[in-house]
Amino acid sequence: MVEEKTKRFIKRSLPRGVKISIEASQAKKGEDLIVLDLRGISSFTDFFVIMHGNSPRQNAALYESIEKELKNENIKPLSIEGKKHAEWVLMDYGYFIIHIFSKKARDYYSLEKLWGDASKLSV
């Protein structure tokens, strides 16, 4: 059953904003990058993009890179939270939400487990 959830969607089928976010994250070495497909189980968004960095400075670099690349494509956030301390930066783009965690915060909040019914794509 876990394999079915993992294979339900592929990177090629993701919306453009999500793909750009993934590419910008990889350029700044975001770790353990995953996408959760929340369509059908969430009323507030379609996708979560989740990653972590190794320091607040790296998390800030991830956030800045993602925001810049999306802005270049005229994709603007509805809101951004957590920039100051960069332990958990949340970037809300409406149909997708990006979570940039410290390793400790990611383990604590464990969004992957909380949204365990979602299909998961490891990138």
PDB file of N, CA and C in Angstrom:
ATOM      1  N   MET A   1       0.818  -1.198   0.000  1.00  0.00           N
ATOM      2  CA  MET A   1       0.000   0.000   0.000  1.00  0.00           C
ATOM      3  C   MET A   1       0.863   1.264   0.000  1.00  0.00           C
ATOM      4  N   VAL A   2       1.990   1.263   0.688  1.00  0.00           N
ATOM      5  CA  VAL A   2       2.874   2.420   0.708  1.00  0.00           C
ATOM      6  C   VAL A   2       3.404   2.697  -0.693  1.00  0.00           C
ATOM      7  N   GLU A   3       3.744   1.641  -1.438  1.00  0.00           N
ATOM      8  CA  GLU A   3       4.244   1.821  -2.792  1.00  0.00           C
ATOM      9  C   GLU A   3       3.213   2.499  -3.685  1.00  0.00           C
ATOM     10  N   GLU A   4       1.932   2.149  -3.533  1.00  0.00           N
ATOM     11  CA  GLU A   4       0.882   2.767  -4.336  1.00  0.00           C
ATOM     12  C   GLU A   4       0.826   4.265  -4.092  1.00  0.00           C
ATOM     13  N   LYS A   5       0.904   4.686  -2.839  1.00  0.00           N
ATOM     14  CA  LYS A   5       0.874   6.108  -2.523  1.00  0.00           C
ATOM     15  C   LYS A   5       2.076   6.820  -3.122  1.00  0.00           C
ATOM     16  N   THR A   6       3.242   6.204  -3.081  1.00  0.00           N
ATOM     17  CA  THR A   6       4.460   6.821  -3.593  1.00  0.00           C
ATOM     18  C   THR A   6       4.403   6.983  -5.098  1.00  0.00           C
ATOM     19  N   LYS A   7       3.773   6.065  -5.807  1.00  0.00           N
ATOM     20  CA  LYS A   7       3.782   6.078  -7.265  1.00  0.00           C
ATOM     21  C   LYS A   7       2.572   6.772  -7.884  1.00  0.00           C
ATOM     22  N   ARG A   8       1.679   7.332  -7.088  1.00  0.00           N
ATOM     23  CA  ARG A   8       0.458   7.911  -7.623  1.00  0.00           C
ATOM     24  C   ARG A   8       0.697   9.149  -8.479  1.00  0.00           C
ATOM     25  N   PHE A   9       1.756   9.881  -8.200  1.00  0.00           N
ATOM     26  CA  PHE A   9       2.076  11.036  -9.010  1.00  0.00           C
ATOM     27  C   PHE A   9       3.586  11.115  -9.199  1.00  0.00           C
ATOM     28  N   ILE A  10       4.003  11.813 -10.233  1.00  0.00           N
ATOM     29  CA  ILE A  10       5.423  11.917 -10.562  1.00  0.00           C
ATOM     30  C   ILE A  10       5.804  13.383 -10.730  1.00  0.00           C
ATOM     31  N   LYS A  11       7.094  13.649 -10.658  1.00  0.00           N
ATOM     32  CA  LYS A  11       7.581  15.029 -10.738  1.00  0.00           C
ATOM     33  C   LYS A  11       7.108  15.725 -12.013  1.00  0.00           C
ATOM     34  N   ARG A  12       7.082  15.007 -13.101  1.00  0.00           N
ATOM     35  CA  ARG A  12       6.685  15.582 -14.391  1.00  0.00           C
ATOM     36  C   ARG A  12       5.259  16.116 -14.362  1.00  0.00           C
ATOM     37  N   SER A  13       4.395  15.541 -13.537  1.00  0.00           N
ATOM     38  CA  SER A  13       2.987  15.954 -13.502  1.00  0.00           C
ATOM     39  C   SER A  13       2.713  17.086 -12.501  1.00  0.00           C
ATOM     40  N   LEU A  14       3.734  17.543 -11.800  1.00  0.00           N
ATOM     41  CA  LEU A  14       3.543  18.603 -10.805  1.00  0.00           C
ATOM     42  C   LEU A  14       3.310  19.958 -11.475  1.00  0.00           C
ATOM     43  N   PRO A  15       2.583  20.859 -10.815  1.00  0.00           N
ATOM     44  CA  PRO A  15       2.406  22.209 -11.339  1.00  0.00           C
ATOM     45  C   PRO A  15       3.750  22.943 -11.441  1.00  0.00           C
ATOM     46  N   ARG A  16       3.811  23.908 -12.334  1.00  0.00           N
ATOM     47  CA  ARG A  16       5.056  24.629 -12.606  1.00  0.00           C
ATOM     48  C   ARG A  16       5.670  25.253 -11.348  1.00  0.00           C
ATOM     49  N   GLY A  17       4.870  25.879 -10.512  1.00  0.00           N
ATOM     50  CA  GLY A  17       5.394  26.492  -9.299  1.00  0.00           C
ATOM     51  C   GLY A  17       6.067  25.498  -8.374  1.00  0.00           C
ATOM     52  N   VAL A  18       5.500  24.322  -8.257  1.00  0.00           N
ATOM     53  CA  VAL A  18       6.086  23.279  -7.412  1.00  0.00           C
ATOM     54  C   VAL A  18       7.419  22.818  -8.012  1.00  0.00           C
ATOM     55  N   LYS A  19       7.464  22.626  -9.318  1.00  0.00           N
ATOM     56  CA  LYS A  19       8.706  22.220  -9.981  1.00  0.00           C
ATOM     57  C   LYS A  19       9.802  23.259  -9.783  1.00  0.00           C
ATOM     58  N   ILE A  20       9.458  24.534  -9.945  1.00  0.00           N
ATOM     59  CA  ILE A  20      10.436  25.607  -9.757  1.00  0.00           C
ATOM     60  C   ILE A  20      10.947  25.602  -8.313  1.00  0.00           C
ATOM     61  N   SER A  21      10.057  25.393  -7.368  1.00  0.00           N
ATOM     62  CA  SER A  21      10.442  25.323  -5.954  1.00  0.00           C
ATOM     63  C   SER A  21      11.428  24.193  -5.704  1.00  0.00           C
ATOM     64  N   ILE A  22      11.172  23.056  -6.297  1.00  0.00           N
ATOM     65  CA  ILE A  22      12.054  21.899  -6.146  1.00  0.00           C
ATOM     66  C   ILE A  22      13.434  22.211  -6.709  1.00  0.00           C
ATOM     67  N   GLU A  23      13.468  22.758  -7.918  1.00  0.00           N
ATOM     68  CA  GLU A  23      14.752  23.069  -8.552  1.00  0.00           C
ATOM     69  C   GLU A  23      15.543  24.096  -7.751  1.00  0.00           C
ATOM     70  N   ALA A  24      14.869  25.142  -7.251  1.00  0.00           N
ATOM     71  CA  ALA A  24      15.545  26.168  -6.449  1.00  0.00           C
ATOM     72  C   ALA A  24      16.060  25.576  -5.136  1.00  0.00           C
ATOM     73  N   SER A  25      15.309  24.653  -4.555  1.00  0.00           N
ATOM     74  CA  SER A  25      15.717  23.991  -3.311  1.00  0.00           C
ATOM     75  C   SER A  25      16.940  23.117  -3.534  1.00  0.00           C
ATOM     76  N   GLN A  26      16.935  22.390  -4.610  1.00  0.00           N
ATOM     77  CA  GLN A  26      18.068  21.516  -4.919  1.00  0.00           C
ATOM     78  C   GLN A  26      19.331  22.329  -5.193  1.00  0.00           C
ATOM     79  N   ALA A  27      19.184  23.499  -5.809  1.00  0.00           N
ATOM     80  CA  ALA A  27      20.335  24.359  -6.094  1.00  0.00           C
ATOM     81  C   ALA A  27      21.011  24.839  -4.809  1.00  0.00           C
ATOM     82  N   LYS A  28      20.241  24.956  -3.729  1.00  0.00           N
ATOM     83  CA  LYS A  28      20.786  25.396  -2.437  1.00  0.00           C
ATOM     84  C   LYS A  28      20.934  24.243  -1.453  1.00  0.00           C
ATOM     85  N   LYS A  29      20.906  23.028  -1.980  1.00  0.00           N
ATOM     86  CA  LYS A  29      21.171  21.812  -1.197  1.00  0.00           C
ATOM     87  C   LYS A  29      20.171  21.552  -0.073  1.00  0.00           C
ATOM     88  N   GLY A  30      18.876  21.816  -0.357  1.00  0.00           N
ATOM     89  CA  GLY A  30      17.842  21.436   0.600  1.00  0.00           C
ATOM     90  C   GLY A  30      17.865  19.924   0.780  1.00  0.00           C
ATOM     91  N   GLU A  31      17.680  19.463   1.999  1.00  0.00           N
ATOM     92  CA  GLU A  31      17.819  18.042   2.302  1.00  0.00           C
ATOM     93  C   GLU A  31      16.476  17.346   2.485  1.00  0.00           C
ATOM     94  N   ASP A  32      16.475  16.075   2.136  1.00  0.00           N
ATOM     95  CA  ASP A  32      15.315  15.194   2.314  1.00  0.00           C
ATOM     96  C   ASP A  32      14.048  15.850   1.765  1.00  0.00           C
ATOM     97  N   LEU A  33      14.128  16.302   0.543  1.00  0.00           N
ATOM     98  CA  LEU A  33      13.051  17.031  -0.128  1.00  0.00           C
ATOM     99  C   LEU A  33      11.944  16.067  -0.536  1.00  0.00           C
ATOM    100  N   ILE A  34      10.719  16.387  -0.098  1.00  0.00           N
ATOM    101  CA  ILE A  34       9.560  15.578  -0.493  1.00  0.00           C
ATOM    102  C   ILE A  34       8.403  16.496  -0.875  1.00  0.00           C
ATOM    103  N   VAL A  35       7.496  15.949  -1.665  1.00  0.00           N
ATOM    104  CA  VAL A  35       6.257  16.632  -2.021  1.00  0.00           C
ATOM    105  C   VAL A  35       5.111  15.732  -1.587  1.00  0.00           C
ATOM    106  N   LEU A  36       4.168  16.293  -0.850  1.00  0.00           N
ATOM    107  CA  LEU A  36       2.957  15.567  -0.469  1.00  0.00           C
ATOM    108  C   LEU A  36       1.812  16.059  -1.331  1.00  0.00           C
ATOM    109  N   ASP A  37       1.091  15.126  -1.923  1.00  0.00           N
ATOM    110  CA  ASP A  37      -0.082  15.431  -2.739  1.00  0.00           C
ATOM    111  C   ASP A  37      -1.306  15.423  -1.825  1.00  0.00           C
ATOM    112  N   LEU A  38      -1.825  16.604  -1.540  1.00  0.00           N
ATOM    113  CA  LEU A  38      -2.953  16.731  -0.621  1.00  0.00           C
ATOM    114  C   LEU A  38      -4.293  16.884  -1.321  1.00  0.00           C
ATOM    115  N   ARG A  39      -4.294  16.771  -2.643  1.00  0.00           N
ATOM    116  CA  ARG A  39      -5.557  16.899  -3.378  1.00  0.00           C
ATOM    117  C   ARG A  39      -6.504  15.803  -2.906  1.00  0.00           C
ATOM    118  N   GLY A  40      -7.701  16.186  -2.585  1.00  0.00           N
ATOM    119  CA  GLY A  40      -8.698  15.213  -2.137  1.00  0.00           C
ATOM    120  C   GLY A  40      -8.713  14.985  -0.638  1.00  0.00           C
ATOM    121  N   ILE A  41      -7.671  15.427   0.081  1.00  0.00           N
ATOM    122  CA  ILE A  41      -7.670  15.243   1.536  1.00  0.00           C
ATOM    123  C   ILE A  41      -7.500  16.562   2.281  1.00  0.00           C
ATOM    124  N   SER A  42      -7.279  17.652   1.558  1.00  0.00           N
ATOM    125  CA  SER A  42      -7.135  18.963   2.173  1.00  0.00           C
ATOM    126  C   SER A  42      -7.985  19.975   1.406  1.00  0.00           C
ATOM    127  N   SER A  43      -8.592  20.888   2.142  1.00  0.00           N
ATOM    128  CA  SER A  43      -9.399  21.922   1.492  1.00  0.00           C
ATOM    129  C   SER A  43      -8.639  23.236   1.314  1.00  0.00           C
ATOM    130  N   PHE A  44      -7.446  23.345   1.900  1.00  0.00           N
ATOM    131  CA  PHE A  44      -6.738  24.627   1.857  1.00  0.00           C
ATOM    132  C   PHE A  44      -5.550  24.670   0.905  1.00  0.00           C
ATOM    133  N   THR A  45      -5.060  23.538   0.429  1.00  0.00           N
ATOM    134  CA  THR A  45      -3.944  23.524  -0.521  1.00  0.00           C
ATOM    135  C   THR A  45      -3.897  22.174  -1.223  1.00  0.00           C
ATOM    136  N   ASP A  46      -3.146  22.114  -2.313  1.00  0.00           N
ATOM    137  CA  ASP A  46      -3.011  20.866  -3.069  1.00  0.00           C
ATOM    138  C   ASP A  46      -1.709  20.131  -2.780  1.00  0.00           C
ATOM    139  N   PHE A  47      -0.644  20.882  -2.486  1.00  0.00           N
ATOM    140  CA  PHE A  47       0.671  20.261  -2.292  1.00  0.00           C
ATOM    141  C   PHE A  47       1.419  20.898  -1.134  1.00  0.00           C
ATOM    142  N   PHE A  48       2.185  20.076  -0.413  1.00  0.00           N
ATOM    143  CA  PHE A  48       3.200  20.535   0.521  1.00  0.00           C
ATOM    144  C   PHE A  48       4.550  20.191  -0.094  1.00  0.00           C
ATOM    145  N   VAL A  49       5.455  21.122  -0.075  1.00  0.00           N
ATOM    146  CA  VAL A  49       6.855  20.868  -0.416  1.00  0.00           C
ATOM    147  C   VAL A  49       7.597  20.991   0.905  1.00  0.00           C
ATOM    148  N   ILE A  50       8.262  19.924   1.326  1.00  0.00           N
ATOM    149  CA  ILE A  50       8.898  19.881   2.641  1.00  0.00           C
ATOM    150  C   ILE A  50      10.379  19.554   2.480  1.00  0.00           C
ATOM    151  N   MET A  51      11.198  20.288   3.230  1.00  0.00           N
ATOM    152  CA  MET A  51      12.648  20.050   3.208  1.00  0.00           C
ATOM    153  C   MET A  51      13.233  20.559   4.516  1.00  0.00           C
ATOM    154  N   HIS A  52      14.519  20.300   4.704  1.00  0.00           N
ATOM    155  CA  HIS A  52      15.212  20.924   5.824  1.00  0.00           C
ATOM    156  C   HIS A  52      16.611  21.327   5.385  1.00  0.00           C
ATOM    157  N   GLY A  53      17.146  22.284   6.139  1.00  0.00           N
ATOM    158  CA  GLY A  53      18.518  22.723   5.944  1.00  0.00           C
ATOM    159  C   GLY A  53      19.322  22.390   7.186  1.00  0.00           C
ATOM    160  N   ASN A  54      20.609  22.644   7.121  1.00  0.00           N
ATOM    161  CA  ASN A  54      21.495  22.297   8.237  1.00  0.00           C
ATOM    162  C   ASN A  54      21.767  23.457   9.183  1.00  0.00           C
ATOM    163  N   SER A  55      21.245  24.634   8.872  1.00  0.00           N
ATOM    164  CA  SER A  55      21.459  25.793   9.727  1.00  0.00           C
ATOM    165  C   SER A  55      20.417  26.861   9.383  1.00  0.00           C
ATOM    166  N   PRO A  56      20.194  27.800  10.291  1.00  0.00           N
ATOM    167  CA  PRO A  56      19.291  28.901   9.951  1.00  0.00           C
ATOM    168  C   PRO A  56      19.764  29.665   8.707  1.00  0.00           C
ATOM    169  N   ARG A  57      21.048  29.784   8.540  1.00  0.00           N
ATOM    170  CA  ARG A  57      21.592  30.491   7.370  1.00  0.00           C
ATOM    171  C   ARG A  57      21.244  29.746   6.069  1.00  0.00           C
ATOM    172  N   GLN A  58      21.383  28.423   6.078  1.00  0.00           N
ATOM    173  CA  GLN A  58      21.009  27.655   4.892  1.00  0.00           C
ATOM    174  C   GLN A  58      19.501  27.745   4.653  1.00  0.00           C
ATOM    175  N   ASN A  59      18.706  27.702   5.711  1.00  0.00           N
ATOM    176  CA  ASN A  59      17.251  27.822   5.551  1.00  0.00           C
ATOM    177  C   ASN A  59      16.886  29.161   4.923  1.00  0.00           C
ATOM    178  N   ALA A  60      17.567  30.220   5.346  1.00  0.00           N
ATOM    179  CA  ALA A  60      17.328  31.541   4.757  1.00  0.00           C
ATOM    180  C   ALA A  60      17.725  31.546   3.281  1.00  0.00           C
ATOM    181  N   ALA A  61      18.833  30.899   2.948  1.00  0.00           N
ATOM    182  CA  ALA A  61      19.267  30.821   1.551  1.00  0.00           C
ATOM    183  C   ALA A  61      18.259  30.036   0.714  1.00  0.00           C
ATOM    184  N   LEU A  62      17.708  28.968   1.276  1.00  0.00           N
ATOM    185  CA  LEU A  62      16.676  28.192   0.581  1.00  0.00           C
ATOM    186  C   LEU A  62      15.455  29.062   0.316  1.00  0.00           C
ATOM    187  N   TYR A  63      14.998  29.738   1.346  1.00  0.00           N
ATOM    188  CA  TYR A  63      13.837  30.613   1.213  1.00  0.00           C
ATOM    189  C   TYR A  63      14.071  31.683   0.147  1.00  0.00           C
ATOM    190  N   GLU A  64      15.216  32.352   0.202  1.00  0.00           N
ATOM    191  CA  GLU A  64      15.515  33.430  -0.752  1.00  0.00           C
ATOM    192  C   GLU A  64      15.592  32.920  -2.182  1.00  0.00           C
ATOM    193  N   SER A  65      16.200  31.759  -2.363  1.00  0.00           N
ATOM    194  CA  SER A  65      16.326  31.174  -3.700  1.00  0.00           C
ATOM    195  C   SER A  65      14.960  30.810  -4.278  1.00  0.00           C
ATOM    196  N   ILE A  66      14.138  30.174  -3.466  1.00  0.00           N
ATOM    197  CA  ILE A  66      12.800  29.774  -3.915  1.00  0.00           C
ATOM    198  C   ILE A  66      11.971  31.008  -4.254  1.00  0.00           C
ATOM    199  N   GLU A  67      11.971  31.984  -3.350  1.00  0.00           N
ATOM    200  CA  GLU A  67      11.184  33.196  -3.585  1.00  0.00           C
ATOM    201  C   GLU A  67      11.631  33.906  -4.864  1.00  0.00           C
ATOM    202  N   LYS A  68      12.926  34.016  -5.073  1.00  0.00           N
ATOM    203  CA  LYS A  68      13.461  34.693  -6.262  1.00  0.00           C
ATOM    204  C   LYS A  68      13.052  33.977  -7.544  1.00  0.00           C
ATOM    205  N   GLU A  69      13.224  32.658  -7.580  1.00  0.00           N
ATOM    206  CA  GLU A  69      12.907  31.898  -8.791  1.00  0.00           C
ATOM    207  C   GLU A  69      11.411  31.938  -9.109  1.00  0.00           C
ATOM    208  N   LEU A  70      10.585  31.861  -8.086  1.00  0.00           N
ATOM    209  CA  LEU A  70       9.141  31.938  -8.315  1.00  0.00           C
ATOM    210  C   LEU A  70       8.727  33.341  -8.753  1.00  0.00           C
ATOM    211  N   LYS A  71       9.338  34.340  -8.153  1.00  0.00           N
ATOM    212  CA  LYS A  71       9.041  35.724  -8.537  1.00  0.00           C
ATOM    213  C   LYS A  71       9.414  35.977  -9.995  1.00  0.00           C
ATOM    214  N   ASN A  72      10.519  35.375 -10.452  1.00  0.00           N
ATOM    215  CA  ASN A  72      10.926  35.493 -11.858  1.00  0.00           C
ATOM    216  C   ASN A  72       9.863  34.949 -12.806  1.00  0.00           C
ATOM    217  N   GLU A  73       9.042  34.036 -12.320  1.00  0.00           N
ATOM    218  CA  GLU A  73       7.956  33.444 -13.107  1.00  0.00           C
ATOM    219  C   GLU A  73       6.618  34.101 -12.773  1.00  0.00           C
ATOM    220  N   ASN A  74       6.681  35.219 -12.060  1.00  0.00           N
ATOM    221  CA  ASN A  74       5.492  35.971 -11.671  1.00  0.00           C
ATOM    222  C   ASN A  74       4.562  35.175 -10.746  1.00  0.00           C
ATOM    223  N   ILE A  75       5.148  34.307  -9.931  1.00  0.00           N
ATOM    224  CA  ILE A  75       4.405  33.544  -8.930  1.00  0.00           C
ATOM    225  C   ILE A  75       4.763  34.161  -7.578  1.00  0.00           C
ATOM    226  N   LYS A  76       3.763  34.768  -6.938  1.00  0.00           N
ATOM    227  CA  LYS A  76       4.007  35.514  -5.706  1.00  0.00           C
ATOM    228  C   LYS A  76       3.303  34.853  -4.527  1.00  0.00           C
ATOM    229  N   PRO A  77       3.941  34.902  -3.359  1.00  0.00           N
ATOM    230  CA  PRO A  77       3.347  34.252  -2.179  1.00  0.00           C
ATOM    231  C   PRO A  77       2.168  35.024  -1.624  1.00  0.00           C
ATOM    232  N   LEU A  78       1.240  34.299  -1.017  1.00  0.00           N
ATOM    233  CA  LEU A  78       0.157  34.923  -0.263  1.00  0.00           C
ATOM    234  C   LEU A  78       0.703  35.416   1.073  1.00  0.00           C
ATOM    235  N   SER A  79       1.597  34.617   1.661  1.00  0.00           N
ATOM    236  CA  SER A  79       2.250  35.022   2.904  1.00  0.00           C
ATOM    237  C   SER A  79       3.501  34.181   3.127  1.00  0.00           C
ATOM    238  N   ILE A  80       4.396  34.734   3.945  1.00  0.00           N
ATOM    239  CA  ILE A  80       5.614  34.020   4.339  1.00  0.00           C
ATOM    240  C   ILE A  80       5.779  34.238   5.837  1.00  0.00           C
ATOM    241  N   GLU A  81       5.994  33.157   6.554  1.00  0.00           N
ATOM    242  CA  GLU A  81       6.149  33.202   8.011  1.00  0.00           C
ATOM    243  C   GLU A  81       7.493  32.591   8.399  1.00  0.00           C
ATOM    244  N   GLY A  82       8.083  33.079   9.477  1.00  0.00           N
ATOM    245  CA  GLY A  82       9.256  32.446  10.068  1.00  0.00           C
ATOM    246  C   GLY A  82      10.599  32.837   9.492  1.00  0.00           C
ATOM    247  N   LYS A  83      10.656  33.889   8.697  1.00  0.00           N
ATOM    248  CA  LYS A  83      11.925  34.294   8.079  1.00  0.00           C
ATOM    249  C   LYS A  83      12.968  34.712   9.108  1.00  0.00           C
ATOM    250  N   LYS A  84      12.537  35.364  10.167  1.00  0.00           N
ATOM    251  CA  LYS A  84      13.473  35.960  11.120  1.00  0.00           C
ATOM    252  C   LYS A  84      14.398  34.926  11.769  1.00  0.00           C
ATOM    253  N   HIS A  85      13.833  33.849  12.289  1.00  0.00           N
ATOM    254  CA  HIS A  85      14.642  32.848  12.992  1.00  0.00           C
ATOM    255  C   HIS A  85      15.004  31.657  12.109  1.00  0.00           C
ATOM    256  N   ALA A  86      14.259  31.462  11.056  1.00  0.00           N
ATOM    257  CA  ALA A  86      14.521  30.418  10.051  1.00  0.00           C
ATOM    258  C   ALA A  86      14.592  29.004  10.628  1.00  0.00           C
ATOM    259  N   GLU A  87      13.838  28.743  11.671  1.00  0.00           N
ATOM    260  CA  GLU A  87      13.704  27.374  12.181  1.00  0.00           C
ATOM    261  C   GLU A  87      12.638  26.620  11.391  1.00  0.00           C
ATOM    262  N   TRP A  88      11.588  27.346  11.022  1.00  0.00           N
ATOM    263  CA  TRP A  88      10.519  26.809  10.184  1.00  0.00           C
ATOM    264  C   TRP A  88       9.994  27.974   9.356  1.00  0.00           C
ATOM    265  N   VAL A  89      10.366  27.986   8.111  1.00  0.00           N
ATOM    266  CA  VAL A  89       9.887  29.018   7.198  1.00  0.00           C
ATOM    267  C   VAL A  89       8.736  28.410   6.405  1.00  0.00           C
ATOM    268  N   LEU A  90       7.588  29.070   6.444  1.00  0.00           N
ATOM    269  CA  LEU A  90       6.409  28.608   5.736  1.00  0.00           C
ATOM    270  C   LEU A  90       6.102  29.617   4.632  1.00  0.00           C
ATOM    271  N   MET A  91       6.084  29.153   3.391  1.00  0.00           N
ATOM    272  CA  MET A  91       5.810  29.995   2.232  1.00  0.00           C
ATOM    273  C   MET A  91       4.507  29.519   1.605  1.00  0.00           C
ATOM    274  N   ASP A  92       3.468  30.333   1.709  1.00  0.00           N
ATOM    275  CA  ASP A  92       2.137  29.953   1.236  1.00  0.00           C
ATOM    276  C   ASP A  92       1.878  30.565  -0.141  1.00  0.00           C
ATOM    277  N   TYR A  93       1.757  29.699  -1.138  1.00  0.00           N
ATOM    278  CA  TYR A  93       1.462  30.134  -2.499  1.00  0.00           C
ATOM    279  C   TYR A  93       0.053  29.735  -2.929  1.00  0.00           C
ATOM    280  N   GLY A  94      -0.794  29.437  -1.974  1.00  0.00           N
ATOM    281  CA  GLY A  94      -2.175  29.071  -2.282  1.00  0.00           C
ATOM    282  C   GLY A  94      -2.305  27.591  -2.587  1.00  0.00           C
ATOM    283  N   TYR A  95      -2.096  27.210  -3.825  1.00  0.00           N
ATOM    284  CA  TYR A  95      -2.265  25.807  -4.199  1.00  0.00           C
ATOM    285  C   TYR A  95      -1.081  24.927  -3.781  1.00  0.00           C
ATOM    286  N   PHE A  96       0.014  25.553  -3.327  1.00  0.00           N
ATOM    287  CA  PHE A  96       1.093  24.792  -2.722  1.00  0.00           C
ATOM    288  C   PHE A  96       1.721  25.603  -1.592  1.00  0.00           C
ATOM    289  N   ILE A  97       2.215  24.875  -0.593  1.00  0.00           N
ATOM    290  CA  ILE A  97       2.839  25.485   0.577  1.00  0.00           C
ATOM    291  C   ILE A  97       4.204  24.840   0.760  1.00  0.00           C
ATOM    292  N   ILE A  98       5.205  25.687   0.954  1.00  0.00           N
ATOM    293  CA  ILE A  98       6.576  25.220   1.127  1.00  0.00           C
ATOM    294  C   ILE A  98       6.929  25.328   2.610  1.00  0.00           C
ATOM    295  N   HIS A  99       7.489  24.240   3.152  1.00  0.00           N
ATOM    296  CA  HIS A  99       7.946  24.203   4.538  1.00  0.00           C
ATOM    297  C   HIS A  99       9.453  23.974   4.526  1.00  0.00           C
ATOM    298  N   ILE A 100      10.191  24.921   5.064  1.00  0.00           N
ATOM    299  CA  ILE A 100      11.646  24.786   5.186  1.00  0.00           C
ATOM    300  C   ILE A 100      11.940  24.721   6.684  1.00  0.00           C
ATOM    301  N   PHE A 101      12.400  23.575   7.133  1.00  0.00           N
ATOM    302  CA  PHE A 101      12.615  23.318   8.552  1.00  0.00           C
ATOM    303  C   PHE A 101      14.101  23.239   8.897  1.00  0.00           C
ATOM    304  N   SER A 102      14.403  23.428  10.189  1.00  0.00           N
ATOM    305  CA  SER A 102      15.651  22.922  10.742  1.00  0.00           C
ATOM    306  C   SER A 102      15.402  21.416  10.926  1.00  0.00           C
ATOM    307  N   LYS A 103      16.441  20.641  11.028  1.00  0.00           N
ATOM    308  CA  LYS A 103      16.280  19.191  11.211  1.00  0.00           C
ATOM    309  C   LYS A 103      15.489  18.901  12.493  1.00  0.00           C
ATOM    310  N   LYS A 104      15.808  19.631  13.549  1.00  0.00           N
ATOM    311  CA  LYS A 104      15.133  19.416  14.837  1.00  0.00           C
ATOM    312  C   LYS A 104      13.637  19.737  14.742  1.00  0.00           C
ATOM    313  N   ALA A 105      13.293  20.864  14.126  1.00  0.00           N
ATOM    314  CA  ALA A 105      11.883  21.244  13.985  1.00  0.00           C
ATOM    315  C   ALA A 105      11.144  20.263  13.087  1.00  0.00           C
ATOM    316  N   ARG A 106      11.798  19.801  12.055  1.00  0.00           N
ATOM    317  CA  ARG A 106      11.143  18.834  11.151  1.00  0.00           C
ATOM    318  C   ARG A 106      10.814  17.543  11.882  1.00  0.00           C
ATOM    319  N   ASP A 107      11.765  17.068  12.665  1.00  0.00           N
ATOM    320  CA  ASP A 107      11.521  15.852  13.436  1.00  0.00           C
ATOM    321  C   ASP A 107      10.395  16.064  14.453  1.00  0.00           C
ATOM    322  N   TYR A 108      10.360  17.221  15.075  1.00  0.00           N
ATOM    323  CA  TYR A 108       9.355  17.510  16.096  1.00  0.00           C
ATOM    324  C   TYR A 108       7.944  17.590  15.496  1.00  0.00           C
ATOM    325  N   TYR A 109       7.782  18.369  14.429  1.00  0.00           N
ATOM    326  CA  TYR A 109       6.447  18.569  13.855  1.00  0.00           C
ATOM    327  C   TYR A 109       6.007  17.425  12.955  1.00  0.00           C
ATOM    328  N   SER A 110       6.932  16.747  12.335  1.00  0.00           N
ATOM    329  CA  SER A 110       6.669  15.513  11.590  1.00  0.00           C
ATOM    330  C   SER A 110       5.442  15.597  10.666  1.00  0.00           C
ATOM    331  N   LEU A 111       5.451  16.578   9.775  1.00  0.00           N
ATOM    332  CA  LEU A 111       4.319  16.760   8.862  1.00  0.00           C
ATOM    333  C   LEU A 111       4.071  15.539   7.982  1.00  0.00           C
ATOM    334  N   GLU A 112       5.131  14.832   7.638  1.00  0.00           N
ATOM    335  CA  GLU A 112       4.958  13.638   6.804  1.00  0.00           C
ATOM    336  C   GLU A 112       4.093  12.598   7.501  1.00  0.00           C
ATOM    337  N   LYS A 113       4.238  12.464   8.813  1.00  0.00           N
ATOM    338  CA  LYS A 113       3.412  11.524   9.570  1.00  0.00           C
ATOM    339  C   LYS A 113       2.013  12.086   9.802  1.00  0.00           C
ATOM    340  N   LEU A 114       1.951  13.375  10.102  1.00  0.00           N
ATOM    341  CA  LEU A 114       0.653  14.018  10.333  1.00  0.00           C
ATOM    342  C   LEU A 114      -0.243  13.900   9.090  1.00  0.00           C
ATOM    343  N   TRP A 115       0.352  14.039   7.912  1.00  0.00           N
ATOM    344  CA  TRP A 115      -0.373  13.917   6.647  1.00  0.00           C
ATOM    345  C   TRP A 115      -0.057  12.569   5.999  1.00  0.00           C
ATOM    346  N   GLY A 116      -0.047  11.524   6.790  1.00  0.00           N
ATOM    347  CA  GLY A 116       0.315  10.187   6.328  1.00  0.00           C
ATOM    348  C   GLY A 116      -0.585   9.607   5.249  1.00  0.00           C
ATOM    349  N   ASP A 117      -1.802  10.137   5.084  1.00  0.00           N
ATOM    350  CA  ASP A 117      -2.706   9.650   4.031  1.00  0.00           C
ATOM    351  C   ASP A 117      -2.367  10.213   2.667  1.00  0.00           C
ATOM    352  N   ALA A 118      -1.482  11.206   2.628  1.00  0.00           N
ATOM    353  CA  ALA A 118      -1.131  11.843   1.353  1.00  0.00           C
ATOM    354  C   ALA A 118      -0.142  10.993   0.560  1.00  0.00           C
ATOM    355  N   SER A 119      -0.247  11.067  -0.742  1.00  0.00           N
ATOM    356  CA  SER A 119       0.757  10.432  -1.596  1.00  0.00           C
ATOM    357  C   SER A 119       2.035  11.237  -1.452  1.00  0.00           C
ATOM    358  N   LYS A 120       3.165  10.551  -1.493  1.00  0.00           N
ATOM    359  CA  LYS A 120       4.449  11.182  -1.228  1.00  0.00           C
ATOM    360  C   LYS A 120       5.393  10.956  -2.393  1.00  0.00           C
ATOM    361  N   LEU A 121       6.065  12.025  -2.808  1.00  0.00           N
ATOM    362  CA  LEU A 121       7.073  11.946  -3.848  1.00  0.00           C
ATOM    363  C   LEU A 121       8.384  12.435  -3.253  1.00  0.00           C
ATOM    364  N   SER A 122       9.369  11.534  -3.148  1.00  0.00           N
ATOM    365  CA  SER A 122      10.707  11.925  -2.715  1.00  0.00           C
ATOM    366  C   SER A 122      11.461  12.426  -3.928  1.00  0.00           C
ATOM    367  N   VAL A 123      12.082  13.590  -3.782  1.00  0.00           N
ATOM    368  CA  VAL A 123      12.758  14.213  -4.919  1.00  0.00           C
ATOM    369  C   VAL A 123      14.248  14.195  -4.699  1.00  0.00           C
TER     370      VAL A 123
END
